[in-house]
Amino acid sequence: MQSFYSNGKLLITGEYVVLDGALSLTLPTKFGQSLEVVEAEDHGVAWKALDKENKVWLTCFFKLEEIVNNKFNNAQNVVDPSKEKIKLLEILHLAHSMNKNNLKPHKGYAVKTKLDFPKNWGLGTSSTLINNIAQWFKINPYELLERSFGGSGYDIAAAQNIQPITYQIHDKKRSILKASFDPVFEDELFFVHLNQKQNSRESILHYKQQPKTELAAEIKKISGITSQLISSETIEEFKLLLEIHENIISKLINTPKVKSELFSDYSGTVKSLGGWGGDFILATGTISDMNYFTEKGYTTIVPFSEMIL
């Protein structure tokens, strides 16, 4: 049996502008996704995906010729295939095109994936899958990501690391460095789920459509904030930097800040993470302060120490 594992991610700084060279702070999470491969009798790839509760949310079988041609031709899949099956076939086709020696003719593979986190958490269902498949096929995960979903690649970097990192793209090259981010005030940091899913690809498209006037100057500011945030010694300094960051991104993407939209009367700081409008936000405060979010119906609240590796 072959076993692979990838960590989930949370992008603390640099959302959107990481695509254009901003220095970002990325935190790998304690939650991720595993992938196991065992030999099987039926020639082809039998796929089974399990969620956090060990419930099957996707099952399908691909013949090798389907993977080679990126086209369904067997009765099981051809009858109204789901978008998940279509995308999975595309990813396997791309992976195979990058390494044609991994899947052997006249051999069978039973593949099982397992998520550690609920699918709607937005911690990287796709990126952890891409990194695991890339490990299985022994190919470049960044290239596989670019050809399948697109994006900056910070989530792939998180999938491969077990501590905070800075991630930056410069001249089409990636700089991935370990970050000494271990805030003494971590017990005042919480991740609150917004109970809705934001497609990061749509967010990226939205960002690209915005005017880029003075973008270089704003990217430089975000990079500086990232560096300062990592070395913050007090929660007051940390909160101030988060608020400045929110103001810059809000202006760049012409979108109201999440605090203004949903939590204007909250006493602490609230920051969007990743694609604005969904998944988790970062909130500062105490455990008792989190009652504010609970009373508003946001019941998934994860302390920093329980979320971050």
C-alpha atoms as a PDB file:
ATOM      1  CA  MET A   1       0.000   0.000   0.000  1.00  0.00           C
ATOM      2  CA  GLN A   2       1.101   3.532  -0.763  1.00  0.00           C
ATOM      3  CA  SER A   3       0.046   6.282   1.654  1.00  0.00           C
ATOM      4  CA  PHE A   4       0.204  10.053   1.229  1.00  0.00           C
ATOM      5  CA  TYR A   5      -0.922  12.981   3.362  1.00  0.00           C
ATOM      6  CA  SER A   6      -1.227  16.737   2.847  1.00  0.00           C
ATOM      7  CA  ASN A   7      -1.986  19.506   5.326  1.00  0.00           C
ATOM      8  CA  GLY A   8      -4.770  22.004   4.969  1.00  0.00           C
ATOM      9  CA  LYS A   9      -4.079  25.749   4.930  1.00  0.00           C
ATOM     10  CA  LEU A  10      -5.140  29.172   6.083  1.00  0.00           C
ATOM     11  CA  LEU A  11      -3.813  32.281   4.346  1.00  0.00           C
ATOM     12  CA  ILE A  12      -3.400  34.935   7.031  1.00  0.00           C
ATOM     13  CA  THR A  13      -2.025  37.750   4.869  1.00  0.00           C
ATOM     14  CA  GLY A  14      -1.730  38.438   1.163  1.00  0.00           C
ATOM     15  CA  GLU A  15      -5.090  37.245  -0.126  1.00  0.00           C
ATOM     16  CA  TYR A  16      -5.479  38.166  -3.799  1.00  0.00           C
ATOM     17  CA  VAL A  17      -2.177  40.096  -3.961  1.00  0.00           C
ATOM     18  CA  VAL A  18      -0.149  36.913  -3.400  1.00  0.00           C
ATOM     19  CA  LEU A  19      -0.868  36.280  -7.078  1.00  0.00           C
ATOM     20  CA  ASP A  20       1.102  39.389  -7.978  1.00  0.00           C
ATOM     21  CA  GLY A  21       4.151  39.017  -5.763  1.00  0.00           C
ATOM     22  CA  ALA A  22       3.063  40.034  -2.269  1.00  0.00           C
ATOM     23  CA  LEU A  23       4.745  38.321   0.664  1.00  0.00           C
ATOM     24  CA  SER A  24       2.111  36.210   2.414  1.00  0.00           C
ATOM     25  CA  LEU A  25       1.873  34.385   5.727  1.00  0.00           C
ATOM     26  CA  THR A  26       0.473  30.879   5.330  1.00  0.00           C
ATOM     27  CA  LEU A  27      -0.348  28.539   8.204  1.00  0.00           C
ATOM     28  CA  PRO A  28      -0.619  24.765   7.694  1.00  0.00           C
ATOM     29  CA  THR A  29      -3.479  23.298   9.708  1.00  0.00           C
ATOM     30  CA  LYS A  30      -3.824  20.232  11.895  1.00  0.00           C
ATOM     31  CA  PHE A  31      -6.504  19.084   9.471  1.00  0.00           C
ATOM     32  CA  GLY A  32      -5.722  17.671   6.036  1.00  0.00           C
ATOM     33  CA  GLN A  33      -6.425  14.844   3.623  1.00  0.00           C
ATOM     34  CA  SER A  34      -4.923  11.383   3.135  1.00  0.00           C
ATOM     35  CA  LEU A  35      -4.729   9.226   0.037  1.00  0.00           C
ATOM     36  CA  GLU A  36      -4.084   5.475   0.008  1.00  0.00           C
ATOM     37  CA  VAL A  37      -3.450   3.286  -3.027  1.00  0.00           C
ATOM     38  CA  VAL A  38      -3.590  -0.510  -3.055  1.00  0.00           C
ATOM     39  CA  GLU A  39      -3.481  -2.970  -5.937  1.00  0.00           C
ATOM     40  CA  ALA A  40      -6.878  -4.161  -7.152  1.00  0.00           C
ATOM     41  CA  GLU A  41      -8.190  -6.897  -9.411  1.00  0.00           C
ATOM     42  CA  ASP A  42     -10.145  -4.723 -11.851  1.00  0.00           C
ATOM     43  CA  HIS A  43      -7.889  -3.004 -14.366  1.00  0.00           C
ATOM     44  CA  GLY A  44      -8.176   0.743 -13.916  1.00  0.00           C
ATOM     45  CA  VAL A  45      -8.645   3.094 -10.980  1.00  0.00           C
ATOM     46  CA  ALA A  46     -11.412   2.535  -8.437  1.00  0.00           C
ATOM     47  CA  TRP A  47     -11.897   5.732  -6.446  1.00  0.00           C
ATOM     48  CA  LYS A  48     -13.616   6.213  -3.097  1.00  0.00           C
ATOM     49  CA  ALA A  49     -13.637   9.518  -1.237  1.00  0.00           C
ATOM     50  CA  LEU A  50     -14.579   9.668   2.443  1.00  0.00           C
ATOM     51  CA  ASP A  51     -15.528  12.746   4.419  1.00  0.00           C
ATOM     52  CA  LYS A  52     -14.665  13.551   8.031  1.00  0.00           C
ATOM     53  CA  GLU A  53     -17.428  11.243   9.259  1.00  0.00           C
ATOM     54  CA  ASN A  54     -16.157   8.340   7.113  1.00  0.00           C
ATOM     55  CA  LYS A  55     -19.157   8.693   4.817  1.00  0.00           C
ATOM     56  CA  VAL A  56     -18.572   8.107   1.109  1.00  0.00           C
ATOM     57  CA  TRP A  57     -19.186  11.312  -0.845  1.00  0.00           C
ATOM     58  CA  LEU A  58     -17.732  10.191  -4.166  1.00  0.00           C
ATOM     59  CA  THR A  59     -17.185   6.804  -5.747  1.00  0.00           C
ATOM     60  CA  CYS A  60     -16.312   5.964  -9.346  1.00  0.00           C
ATOM     61  CA  PHE A  61     -14.239   3.693 -11.564  1.00  0.00           C
ATOM     62  CA  PHE A  62     -12.020   4.851 -14.419  1.00  0.00           C
ATOM     63  CA  LYS A  63     -10.566   2.602 -17.078  1.00  0.00           C
ATOM     64  CA  LEU A  64      -7.044   3.486 -18.126  1.00  0.00           C
ATOM     65  CA  GLU A  65      -8.243   4.510 -21.577  1.00  0.00           C
ATOM     66  CA  GLU A  66     -10.675   6.971 -19.981  1.00  0.00           C
ATOM     67  CA  ILE A  67      -7.816   8.548 -18.036  1.00  0.00           C
ATOM     68  CA  VAL A  68      -5.600   8.656 -21.118  1.00  0.00           C
ATOM     69  CA  ASN A  69      -8.309  10.274 -23.256  1.00  0.00           C
ATOM     70  CA  ASN A  70      -9.994  12.325 -20.508  1.00  0.00           C
ATOM     71  CA  LYS A  71     -13.308  10.962 -21.717  1.00  0.00           C
ATOM     72  CA  PHE A  72     -15.914   8.713 -20.118  1.00  0.00           C
ATOM     73  CA  ASN A  73     -16.789   5.606 -22.108  1.00  0.00           C
ATOM     74  CA  ASN A  74     -18.181   3.112 -19.591  1.00  0.00           C
ATOM     75  CA  ALA A  75     -21.786   2.867 -18.468  1.00  0.00           C
ATOM     76  CA  GLN A  76     -21.090   3.546 -14.805  1.00  0.00           C
ATOM     77  CA  ASN A  77     -19.726   7.041 -15.357  1.00  0.00           C
ATOM     78  CA  VAL A  78     -21.210   8.137 -18.664  1.00  0.00           C
ATOM     79  CA  VAL A  79     -24.771   8.429 -17.320  1.00  0.00           C
ATOM     80  CA  ASP A  80     -24.907  12.008 -16.087  1.00  0.00           C
ATOM     81  CA  PRO A  81     -21.457  12.126 -14.472  1.00  0.00           C
ATOM     82  CA  SER A  82     -21.190  14.602 -11.583  1.00  0.00           C
ATOM     83  CA  LYS A  83     -18.960  17.645 -11.825  1.00  0.00           C
ATOM     84  CA  GLU A  84     -16.742  15.996  -9.165  1.00  0.00           C
ATOM     85  CA  LYS A  85     -16.237  12.936 -11.371  1.00  0.00           C
ATOM     86  CA  ILE A  86     -15.546  15.088 -14.403  1.00  0.00           C
ATOM     87  CA  LYS A  87     -12.951  17.127 -12.517  1.00  0.00           C
ATOM     88  CA  LEU A  88     -11.319  14.074 -10.962  1.00  0.00           C
ATOM     89  CA  LEU A  89     -10.985  12.443 -14.376  1.00  0.00           C
ATOM     90  CA  GLU A  90      -9.388  15.630 -15.703  1.00  0.00           C
ATOM     91  CA  ILE A  91      -6.881  15.726 -12.827  1.00  0.00           C
ATOM     92  CA  LEU A  92      -5.946  12.062 -13.306  1.00  0.00           C
ATOM     93  CA  HIS A  93      -5.616  12.648 -17.041  1.00  0.00           C
ATOM     94  CA  LEU A  94      -3.270  15.582 -16.440  1.00  0.00           C
ATOM     95  CA  ALA A  95      -1.249  13.622 -13.868  1.00  0.00           C
ATOM     96  CA  HIS A  96      -0.943  10.702 -16.272  1.00  0.00           C
ATOM     97  CA  SER A  97       0.158  13.011 -19.091  1.00  0.00           C
ATOM     98  CA  MET A  98       2.950  14.252 -16.811  1.00  0.00           C
ATOM     99  CA  ASN A  99       4.088  10.729 -15.899  1.00  0.00           C
ATOM    100  CA  LYS A 100       2.819   7.978 -18.175  1.00  0.00           C
ATOM    101  CA  ASN A 101       4.743   5.318 -16.256  1.00  0.00           C
ATOM    102  CA  ASN A 102       2.809   5.525 -13.006  1.00  0.00           C
ATOM    103  CA  LEU A 103      -0.359   3.687 -14.076  1.00  0.00           C
ATOM    104  CA  LYS A 104       0.549   0.311 -15.505  1.00  0.00           C
ATOM    105  CA  PRO A 105      -1.570  -1.313 -18.209  1.00  0.00           C
ATOM    106  CA  HIS A 106      -3.404  -4.437 -17.042  1.00  0.00           C
ATOM    107  CA  LYS A 107      -3.103  -3.363 -13.406  1.00  0.00           C
ATOM    108  CA  GLY A 108      -5.756  -2.188 -11.004  1.00  0.00           C
ATOM    109  CA  TYR A 109      -5.631   0.492  -8.316  1.00  0.00           C
ATOM    110  CA  ALA A 110      -8.029   1.038  -5.437  1.00  0.00           C
ATOM    111  CA  VAL A 111      -7.705   4.608  -4.194  1.00  0.00           C
ATOM    112  CA  LYS A 112      -9.222   5.900  -0.970  1.00  0.00           C
ATOM    113  CA  THR A 113      -9.117   9.520   0.154  1.00  0.00           C
ATOM    114  CA  LYS A 114     -10.098  10.706   3.623  1.00  0.00           C
ATOM    115  CA  LEU A 115     -10.709  14.269   4.825  1.00  0.00           C
ATOM    116  CA  ASP A 116      -9.897  15.328   8.393  1.00  0.00           C
ATOM    117  CA  PHE A 117     -12.161  18.364   8.149  1.00  0.00           C
ATOM    118  CA  PRO A 118     -15.707  19.086   6.914  1.00  0.00           C
ATOM    119  CA  LYS A 119     -15.764  19.737   3.178  1.00  0.00           C
ATOM    120  CA  ASN A 120     -17.264  23.200   3.634  1.00  0.00           C
ATOM    121  CA  TRP A 121     -14.439  24.443   5.862  1.00  0.00           C
ATOM    122  CA  GLY A 122     -12.348  25.606   2.914  1.00  0.00           C
ATOM    123  CA  LEU A 123      -9.053  24.338   4.291  1.00  0.00           C
ATOM    124  CA  GLY A 124      -7.982  22.876   0.966  1.00  0.00           C
ATOM    125  CA  THR A 125     -10.098  19.969  -0.277  1.00  0.00           C
ATOM    126  CA  SER A 126      -8.687  20.573  -3.758  1.00  0.00           C
ATOM    127  CA  SER A 127      -5.111  21.536  -2.892  1.00  0.00           C
ATOM    128  CA  THR A 128      -4.583  18.561  -0.573  1.00  0.00           C
ATOM    129  CA  LEU A 129      -5.959  16.278  -3.281  1.00  0.00           C
ATOM    130  CA  ILE A 130      -3.662  17.799  -5.908  1.00  0.00           C
ATOM    131  CA  ASN A 131      -0.609  17.443  -3.667  1.00  0.00           C
ATOM    132  CA  ASN A 132      -1.471  13.838  -2.799  1.00  0.00           C
ATOM    133  CA  ILE A 133      -2.036  12.848  -6.430  1.00  0.00           C
ATOM    134  CA  ALA A 134       1.219  14.578  -7.386  1.00  0.00           C
ATOM    135  CA  GLN A 135       3.056  12.529  -4.752  1.00  0.00           C
ATOM    136  CA  TRP A 136       1.467   9.342  -6.051  1.00  0.00           C
ATOM    137  CA  PHE A 137       2.414  10.120  -9.665  1.00  0.00           C
ATOM    138  CA  LYS A 138       5.814  11.584  -8.673  1.00  0.00           C
ATOM    139  CA  ILE A 139       5.154  14.832 -10.518  1.00  0.00           C
ATOM    140  CA  ASN A 140       5.357  18.567  -9.776  1.00  0.00           C
ATOM    141  CA  PRO A 141       2.283  19.537  -7.705  1.00  0.00           C
ATOM    142  CA  TYR A 142       2.533  23.207  -8.672  1.00  0.00           C
ATOM    143  CA  GLU A 143       2.351  22.330 -12.350  1.00  0.00           C
ATOM    144  CA  LEU A 144      -0.574  19.997 -11.730  1.00  0.00           C
ATOM    145  CA  LEU A 145      -2.353  22.745  -9.798  1.00  0.00           C
ATOM    146  CA  GLU A 146      -1.712  25.306 -12.518  1.00  0.00           C
ATOM    147  CA  ARG A 147      -3.090  22.985 -15.199  1.00  0.00           C
ATOM    148  CA  SER A 148      -6.160  21.931 -13.210  1.00  0.00           C
ATOM    149  CA  PHE A 149      -7.384  24.669 -10.850  1.00  0.00           C
ATOM    150  CA  GLY A 150      -4.926  27.531 -11.162  1.00  0.00           C
ATOM    151  CA  GLY A 151      -3.973  29.831  -8.307  1.00  0.00           C
ATOM    152  CA  SER A 152      -0.807  31.085  -6.649  1.00  0.00           C
ATOM    153  CA  GLY A 153       0.291  27.754  -5.159  1.00  0.00           C
ATOM    154  CA  TYR A 154       0.497  28.897  -1.534  1.00  0.00           C
ATOM    155  CA  ASP A 155      -1.902  26.094  -0.608  1.00  0.00           C
ATOM    156  CA  ILE A 156       0.443  23.490  -2.111  1.00  0.00           C
ATOM    157  CA  ALA A 157       3.287  24.944  -0.055  1.00  0.00           C
ATOM    158  CA  ALA A 158       1.150  24.620   3.075  1.00  0.00           C
ATOM    159  CA  ALA A 159       0.275  21.045   2.156  1.00  0.00           C
ATOM    160  CA  GLN A 160       3.971  20.179   2.235  1.00  0.00           C
ATOM    161  CA  ASN A 161       5.004  22.023   5.406  1.00  0.00           C
ATOM    162  CA  ILE A 162       4.414  21.464   9.110  1.00  0.00           C
ATOM    163  CA  GLN A 163       5.053  24.991  10.371  1.00  0.00           C
ATOM    164  CA  PRO A 164       4.180  28.569   9.388  1.00  0.00           C
ATOM    165  CA  ILE A 165       5.714  29.765   6.133  1.00  0.00           C
ATOM    166  CA  THR A 166       6.037  32.882   4.066  1.00  0.00           C
ATOM    167  CA  TYR A 167       5.168  32.446   0.420  1.00  0.00           C
ATOM    168  CA  GLN A 168       6.066  34.807  -2.399  1.00  0.00           C
ATOM    169  CA  ILE A 169       6.200  34.681  -6.181  1.00  0.00           C
ATOM    170  CA  HIS A 170       8.925  36.698  -7.897  1.00  0.00           C
ATOM    171  CA  ASP A 171       9.795  36.429 -11.586  1.00  0.00           C
ATOM    172  CA  LYS A 172       7.659  33.268 -11.754  1.00  0.00           C
ATOM    173  CA  LYS A 173       9.785  31.665  -9.038  1.00  0.00           C
ATOM    174  CA  ARG A 174       8.459  30.695  -5.608  1.00  0.00           C
ATOM    175  CA  SER A 175      10.103  31.672  -2.361  1.00  0.00           C
ATOM    176  CA  ILE A 176       8.940  29.441   0.484  1.00  0.00           C
ATOM    177  CA  LEU A 177      10.558  30.138   3.842  1.00  0.00           C
ATOM    178  CA  LYS A 178       9.885  28.962   7.365  1.00  0.00           C
ATOM    179  CA  ALA A 179       8.373  31.733   9.470  1.00  0.00           C
ATOM    180  CA  SER A 180       8.962  32.172  13.180  1.00  0.00           C
ATOM    181  CA  PHE A 181       5.322  32.892  13.864  1.00  0.00           C
ATOM    182  CA  ASP A 182       4.453  31.712  17.368  1.00  0.00           C
ATOM    183  CA  PRO A 183       2.394  34.514  18.921  1.00  0.00           C
ATOM    184  CA  VAL A 184       2.422  34.695  22.713  1.00  0.00           C
ATOM    185  CA  PHE A 185      -1.176  35.902  22.444  1.00  0.00           C
ATOM    186  CA  GLU A 186      -2.419  32.866  20.500  1.00  0.00           C
ATOM    187  CA  ASP A 187      -5.092  32.228  23.142  1.00  0.00           C
ATOM    188  CA  GLU A 188      -6.706  35.464  21.917  1.00  0.00           C
ATOM    189  CA  LEU A 189      -6.969  34.250  18.307  1.00  0.00           C
ATOM    190  CA  PHE A 190      -9.932  32.282  16.977  1.00  0.00           C
ATOM    191  CA  PHE A 191     -11.140  31.062  13.599  1.00  0.00           C
ATOM    192  CA  VAL A 192     -14.867  31.498  12.992  1.00  0.00           C
ATOM    193  CA  HIS A 193     -16.582  29.735  10.100  1.00  0.00           C
ATOM    194  CA  LEU A 194     -19.072  31.822   8.145  1.00  0.00           C
ATOM    195  CA  ASN A 195     -21.277  28.858   7.175  1.00  0.00           C
ATOM    196  CA  GLN A 196     -20.886  29.567   3.478  1.00  0.00           C
ATOM    197  CA  LYS A 197     -18.490  28.527   0.750  1.00  0.00           C
ATOM    198  CA  GLN A 198     -16.510  30.958  -1.374  1.00  0.00           C
ATOM    199  CA  ASN A 199     -15.016  29.520  -4.549  1.00  0.00           C
ATOM    200  CA  SER A 200     -11.417  30.751  -4.529  1.00  0.00           C
ATOM    201  CA  ARG A 201     -11.178  30.606  -8.312  1.00  0.00           C
ATOM    202  CA  GLU A 202     -14.094  33.049  -8.592  1.00  0.00           C
ATOM    203  CA  SER A 203     -12.390  35.295  -6.036  1.00  0.00           C
ATOM    204  CA  ILE A 204      -9.195  35.281  -8.076  1.00  0.00           C
ATOM    205  CA  LEU A 205     -11.144  36.161 -11.222  1.00  0.00           C
ATOM    206  CA  HIS A 206     -12.887  38.978  -9.356  1.00  0.00           C
ATOM    207  CA  TYR A 207      -9.552  40.370  -8.195  1.00  0.00           C
ATOM    208  CA  LYS A 208      -8.078  40.254 -11.701  1.00  0.00           C
ATOM    209  CA  GLN A 209     -10.993  42.311 -12.990  1.00  0.00           C
ATOM    210  CA  GLN A 210     -10.332  45.155 -10.566  1.00  0.00           C
ATOM    211  CA  PRO A 211      -8.358  48.272 -11.581  1.00  0.00           C
ATOM    212  CA  LYS A 212      -4.662  47.795 -10.848  1.00  0.00           C
ATOM    213  CA  THR A 213      -3.748  51.454 -10.344  1.00  0.00           C
ATOM    214  CA  GLU A 214      -0.932  51.762  -7.860  1.00  0.00           C
ATOM    215  CA  LEU A 215      -1.097  48.010  -7.287  1.00  0.00           C
ATOM    216  CA  ALA A 216       2.676  47.736  -6.924  1.00  0.00           C
ATOM    217  CA  ALA A 217       2.666  50.195  -4.024  1.00  0.00           C
ATOM    218  CA  GLU A 218      -0.155  48.319  -2.281  1.00  0.00           C
ATOM    219  CA  ILE A 219       1.652  44.999  -2.730  1.00  0.00           C
ATOM    220  CA  LYS A 220       4.724  46.514  -1.103  1.00  0.00           C
ATOM    221  CA  LYS A 221       2.580  47.617   1.842  1.00  0.00           C
ATOM    222  CA  ILE A 222       1.063  44.141   2.252  1.00  0.00           C
ATOM    223  CA  SER A 223       4.521  42.555   2.167  1.00  0.00           C
ATOM    224  CA  GLY A 224       5.624  44.938   4.910  1.00  0.00           C
ATOM    225  CA  ILE A 225       2.551  44.117   6.988  1.00  0.00           C
ATOM    226  CA  THR A 226       3.285  40.417   6.657  1.00  0.00           C
ATOM    227  CA  SER A 227       6.812  40.873   7.975  1.00  0.00           C
ATOM    228  CA  GLN A 228       5.615  43.034  10.868  1.00  0.00           C
ATOM    229  CA  LEU A 229       2.776  40.667  11.696  1.00  0.00           C
ATOM    230  CA  ILE A 230       5.157  37.732  12.078  1.00  0.00           C
ATOM    231  CA  SER A 231       7.248  39.627  14.602  1.00  0.00           C
ATOM    232  CA  SER A 232       4.325  41.182  16.517  1.00  0.00           C
ATOM    233  CA  GLU A 233       4.892  41.066  20.249  1.00  0.00           C
ATOM    234  CA  THR A 234       1.531  42.366  21.451  1.00  0.00           C
ATOM    235  CA  ILE A 235      -2.077  41.706  20.495  1.00  0.00           C
ATOM    236  CA  GLU A 236      -2.598  45.456  20.061  1.00  0.00           C
ATOM    237  CA  GLU A 237       0.102  45.651  17.379  1.00  0.00           C
ATOM    238  CA  PHE A 238      -1.237  42.496  15.745  1.00  0.00           C
ATOM    239  CA  LYS A 239      -4.792  43.873  15.615  1.00  0.00           C
ATOM    240  CA  LEU A 240      -3.661  47.175  14.139  1.00  0.00           C
ATOM    241  CA  LEU A 241      -1.788  45.413  11.352  1.00  0.00           C
ATOM    242  CA  LEU A 242      -4.800  43.216  10.586  1.00  0.00           C
ATOM    243  CA  GLU A 243      -7.027  46.276  10.306  1.00  0.00           C
ATOM    244  CA  ILE A 244      -4.608  48.075   7.975  1.00  0.00           C
ATOM    245  CA  HIS A 245      -4.422  44.935   5.850  1.00  0.00           C
ATOM    246  CA  GLU A 246      -8.238  44.736   5.656  1.00  0.00           C
ATOM    247  CA  ASN A 247      -8.447  48.359   4.536  1.00  0.00           C
ATOM    248  CA  ILE A 248      -5.949  47.824   1.716  1.00  0.00           C
ATOM    249  CA  ILE A 249      -7.555  44.653   0.349  1.00  0.00           C
ATOM    250  CA  SER A 250     -11.062  46.103   0.682  1.00  0.00           C
ATOM    251  CA  LYS A 251     -10.027  49.024  -1.500  1.00  0.00           C
ATOM    252  CA  LEU A 252      -8.260  46.819  -4.053  1.00  0.00           C
ATOM    253  CA  ILE A 253     -11.197  44.472  -4.615  1.00  0.00           C
ATOM    254  CA  ASN A 254     -13.906  47.085  -4.057  1.00  0.00           C
ATOM    255  CA  THR A 255     -15.571  44.897  -1.414  1.00  0.00           C
ATOM    256  CA  PRO A 256     -16.744  45.946   2.071  1.00  0.00           C
ATOM    257  CA  LYS A 257     -14.817  44.527   5.015  1.00  0.00           C
ATOM    258  CA  VAL A 258     -16.446  41.545   6.692  1.00  0.00           C
ATOM    259  CA  LYS A 259     -16.598  43.400   9.999  1.00  0.00           C
ATOM    260  CA  SER A 260     -18.487  46.281   8.411  1.00  0.00           C
ATOM    261  CA  GLU A 261     -20.876  43.887   6.705  1.00  0.00           C
ATOM    262  CA  LEU A 262     -21.575  41.372   9.480  1.00  0.00           C
ATOM    263  CA  PHE A 263     -19.929  42.274  12.772  1.00  0.00           C
ATOM    264  CA  SER A 264     -19.852  46.075  13.025  1.00  0.00           C
ATOM    265  CA  ASP A 265     -20.629  46.062  16.760  1.00  0.00           C
ATOM    266  CA  TYR A 266     -17.961  43.502  17.696  1.00  0.00           C
ATOM    267  CA  SER A 267     -15.340  44.916  20.053  1.00  0.00           C
ATOM    268  CA  GLY A 268     -12.402  42.920  18.681  1.00  0.00           C
ATOM    269  CA  THR A 269     -10.749  42.736  15.272  1.00  0.00           C
ATOM    270  CA  VAL A 270     -12.141  40.586  12.471  1.00  0.00           C
ATOM    271  CA  LYS A 271     -10.196  39.687   9.323  1.00  0.00           C
ATOM    272  CA  SER A 272     -11.229  37.797   6.202  1.00  0.00           C
ATOM    273  CA  LEU A 273      -9.019  34.897   5.122  1.00  0.00           C
ATOM    274  CA  GLY A 274      -8.478  33.637   1.584  1.00  0.00           C
ATOM    275  CA  GLY A 275     -11.305  34.502  -0.797  1.00  0.00           C
ATOM    276  CA  TRP A 276     -13.429  37.174   0.862  1.00  0.00           C
ATOM    277  CA  GLY A 277     -17.025  36.218   1.542  1.00  0.00           C
ATOM    278  CA  GLY A 278     -16.739  32.650   2.744  1.00  0.00           C
ATOM    279  CA  ASP A 279     -15.001  30.018   4.802  1.00  0.00           C
ATOM    280  CA  PHE A 280     -13.143  31.174   7.952  1.00  0.00           C
ATOM    281  CA  ILE A 281     -12.434  34.577   9.403  1.00  0.00           C
ATOM    282  CA  LEU A 282      -9.830  35.386  12.051  1.00  0.00           C
ATOM    283  CA  ALA A 283     -11.231  37.024  15.188  1.00  0.00           C
ATOM    284  CA  THR A 284      -9.365  38.420  18.163  1.00  0.00           C
ATOM    285  CA  GLY A 285     -10.768  38.250  21.670  1.00  0.00           C
ATOM    286  CA  THR A 286     -11.349  35.924  24.608  1.00  0.00           C
ATOM    287  CA  ILE A 287     -13.297  32.698  24.842  1.00  0.00           C
ATOM    288  CA  SER A 288     -16.189  34.613  26.374  1.00  0.00           C
ATOM    289  CA  ASP A 289     -16.039  37.126  23.512  1.00  0.00           C
ATOM    290  CA  MET A 290     -16.772  34.262  21.127  1.00  0.00           C
ATOM    291  CA  ASN A 291     -20.311  34.151  22.523  1.00  0.00           C
ATOM    292  CA  TYR A 292     -20.936  37.152  20.281  1.00  0.00           C
ATOM    293  CA  PHE A 293     -20.517  34.968  17.187  1.00  0.00           C
ATOM    294  CA  THR A 294     -22.411  32.036  18.680  1.00  0.00           C
ATOM    295  CA  GLU A 295     -25.392  34.243  19.391  1.00  0.00           C
ATOM    296  CA  LYS A 296     -25.345  35.342  15.744  1.00  0.00           C
ATOM    297  CA  GLY A 297     -25.507  31.708  14.610  1.00  0.00           C
ATOM    298  CA  TYR A 298     -21.821  31.135  13.856  1.00  0.00           C
ATOM    299  CA  THR A 299     -21.257  28.005  15.934  1.00  0.00           C
ATOM    300  CA  THR A 300     -18.032  26.686  14.384  1.00  0.00           C
ATOM    301  CA  ILE A 301     -15.329  28.500  16.344  1.00  0.00           C
ATOM    302  CA  VAL A 302     -11.857  26.939  16.488  1.00  0.00           C
ATOM    303  CA  PRO A 303      -9.116  28.283  18.791  1.00  0.00           C
ATOM    304  CA  PHE A 304      -5.746  28.983  17.158  1.00  0.00           C
ATOM    305  CA  SER A 305      -4.045  26.176  19.088  1.00  0.00           C
ATOM    306  CA  GLU A 306      -6.581  23.607  17.859  1.00  0.00           C
ATOM    307  CA  MET A 307      -6.386  24.682  14.214  1.00  0.00           C
ATOM    308  CA  ILE A 308      -2.735  25.461  13.465  1.00  0.00           C
ATOM    309  CA  LEU A 309       0.164  23.006  13.378  1.00  0.00           C
END
